Amino acid sequence: MEYTEGKILNLTLRKNNKERIDKKFLKKIYEHKWISMILVSLIVLSTINAMMIYNFFKILQNI
């Protein structure tokens, strides 16, 4: 009986610990939302830039 109680307690502690890690991660993102927005916009704009360059060279090759 003591063995199962210990295992159940360990499972609940692990679940609570995971929730704390998730909350800490979301809190960090919320605290640094400007940096997060800048990084996401940088990735999106660089992807758009790469696609435009690729299409431009494709057009040049067809001429």
C-alpha atoms as a PDB file:
ATOM      1  CA  MET A   1       0.000   0.000   0.000  1.00  0.00           C
ATOM      2  CA  GLU A   2       2.812   2.396   0.823  1.00  0.00           C
ATOM      3  CA  TYR A   3       4.497   1.619  -2.477  1.00  0.00           C
ATOM      4  CA  THR A   4       1.450   2.666  -4.523  1.00  0.00           C
ATOM      5  CA  GLU A   5       0.927   5.803  -2.474  1.00  0.00           C
ATOM      6  CA  GLY A   6       4.525   6.805  -3.125  1.00  0.00           C
ATOM      7  CA  LYS A   7       4.145   6.230  -6.876  1.00  0.00           C
ATOM      8  CA  ILE A   8       0.930   8.235  -7.033  1.00  0.00           C
ATOM      9  CA  LEU A   9       2.586  11.062  -5.128  1.00  0.00           C
ATOM     10  CA  ASN A  10       5.547  11.035  -7.531  1.00  0.00           C
ATOM     11  CA  LEU A  11       3.210  11.190 -10.542  1.00  0.00           C
ATOM     12  CA  THR A  12       1.349  14.185  -9.158  1.00  0.00           C
ATOM     13  CA  LEU A  13       4.619  15.949  -8.350  1.00  0.00           C
ATOM     14  CA  ARG A  14       5.894  15.392 -11.889  1.00  0.00           C
ATOM     15  CA  LYS A  15       2.647  16.739 -13.344  1.00  0.00           C
ATOM     16  CA  ASN A  16       2.813  19.835 -11.144  1.00  0.00           C
ATOM     17  CA  ASN A  17       6.483  20.354 -12.009  1.00  0.00           C
ATOM     18  CA  LYS A  18       5.682  20.201 -15.744  1.00  0.00           C
ATOM     19  CA  GLU A  19       2.922  22.773 -15.294  1.00  0.00           C
ATOM     20  CA  ARG A  20       5.358  25.048 -13.471  1.00  0.00           C
ATOM     21  CA  ILE A  21       7.872  24.757 -16.314  1.00  0.00           C
ATOM     22  CA  ASP A  22       5.163  25.637 -18.854  1.00  0.00           C
ATOM     23  CA  LYS A  23       4.054  28.616 -16.784  1.00  0.00           C
ATOM     24  CA  LYS A  24       7.644  29.817 -16.404  1.00  0.00           C
ATOM     25  CA  PHE A  25       8.177  29.520 -20.167  1.00  0.00           C
ATOM     26  CA  LEU A  26       4.984  31.431 -20.978  1.00  0.00           C
ATOM     27  CA  LYS A  27       5.863  34.051 -18.383  1.00  0.00           C
ATOM     28  CA  LYS A  28       9.281  34.588 -19.989  1.00  0.00           C
ATOM     29  CA  ILE A  29       7.670  35.004 -23.407  1.00  0.00           C
ATOM     30  CA  TYR A  30       5.154  37.483 -21.994  1.00  0.00           C
ATOM     31  CA  GLU A  31       7.886  39.478 -20.250  1.00  0.00           C
ATOM     32  CA  HIS A  32       9.945  39.658 -23.440  1.00  0.00           C
ATOM     33  CA  LYS A  33       7.111  40.048 -25.922  1.00  0.00           C
ATOM     34  CA  TRP A  34       8.864  42.817 -27.868  1.00  0.00           C
ATOM     35  CA  ILE A  35      11.919  40.649 -28.435  1.00  0.00           C
ATOM     36  CA  SER A  36       9.679  37.737 -29.423  1.00  0.00           C
ATOM     37  CA  MET A  37       7.758  39.882 -31.902  1.00  0.00           C
ATOM     38  CA  ILE A  38      10.987  41.233 -33.389  1.00  0.00           C
ATOM     39  CA  LEU A  39      12.414  37.725 -33.840  1.00  0.00           C
ATOM     40  CA  VAL A  40       9.235  36.363 -35.413  1.00  0.00           C
ATOM     41  CA  SER A  41       8.947  39.328 -37.782  1.00  0.00           C
ATOM     42  CA  LEU A  42      12.625  38.970 -38.713  1.00  0.00           C
ATOM     43  CA  ILE A  43      12.107  35.313 -39.621  1.00  0.00           C
ATOM     44  CA  VAL A  44       8.961  36.063 -41.633  1.00  0.00           C
ATOM     45  CA  LEU A  45      10.509  38.982 -43.515  1.00  0.00           C
ATOM     46  CA  SER A  46      13.704  37.091 -44.294  1.00  0.00           C
ATOM     47  CA  THR A  47      11.637  34.203 -45.674  1.00  0.00           C
ATOM     48  CA  ILE A  48       9.657  36.590 -47.874  1.00  0.00           C
ATOM     49  CA  ASN A  49      12.912  38.190 -49.017  1.00  0.00           C
ATOM     50  CA  ALA A  50      14.406  34.826 -49.962  1.00  0.00           C
ATOM     51  CA  MET A  51      11.273  33.901 -51.925  1.00  0.00           C
ATOM     52  CA  MET A  52      11.366  37.226 -53.808  1.00  0.00           C
ATOM     53  CA  ILE A  53      15.045  36.816 -54.689  1.00  0.00           C
ATOM     54  CA  TYR A  54      14.429  33.257 -55.880  1.00  0.00           C
ATOM     55  CA  ASN A  55      11.527  34.369 -58.100  1.00  0.00           C
ATOM     56  CA  PHE A  56      13.542  37.290 -59.464  1.00  0.00           C
ATOM     57  CA  PHE A  57      16.408  35.008 -60.531  1.00  0.00           C
ATOM     58  CA  LYS A  58      13.916  32.589 -62.025  1.00  0.00           C
ATOM     59  CA  ILE A  59      12.469  35.434 -64.131  1.00  0.00           C
ATOM     60  CA  LEU A  60      15.963  36.522 -65.195  1.00  0.00           C
ATOM     61  CA  GLN A  61      16.777  32.995 -66.370  1.00  0.00           C
ATOM     62  CA  ASN A  62      13.664  32.883 -68.521  1.00  0.00           C
ATOM     63  CA  ILE A  63      14.548  36.114 -70.353  1.00  0.00           C
END
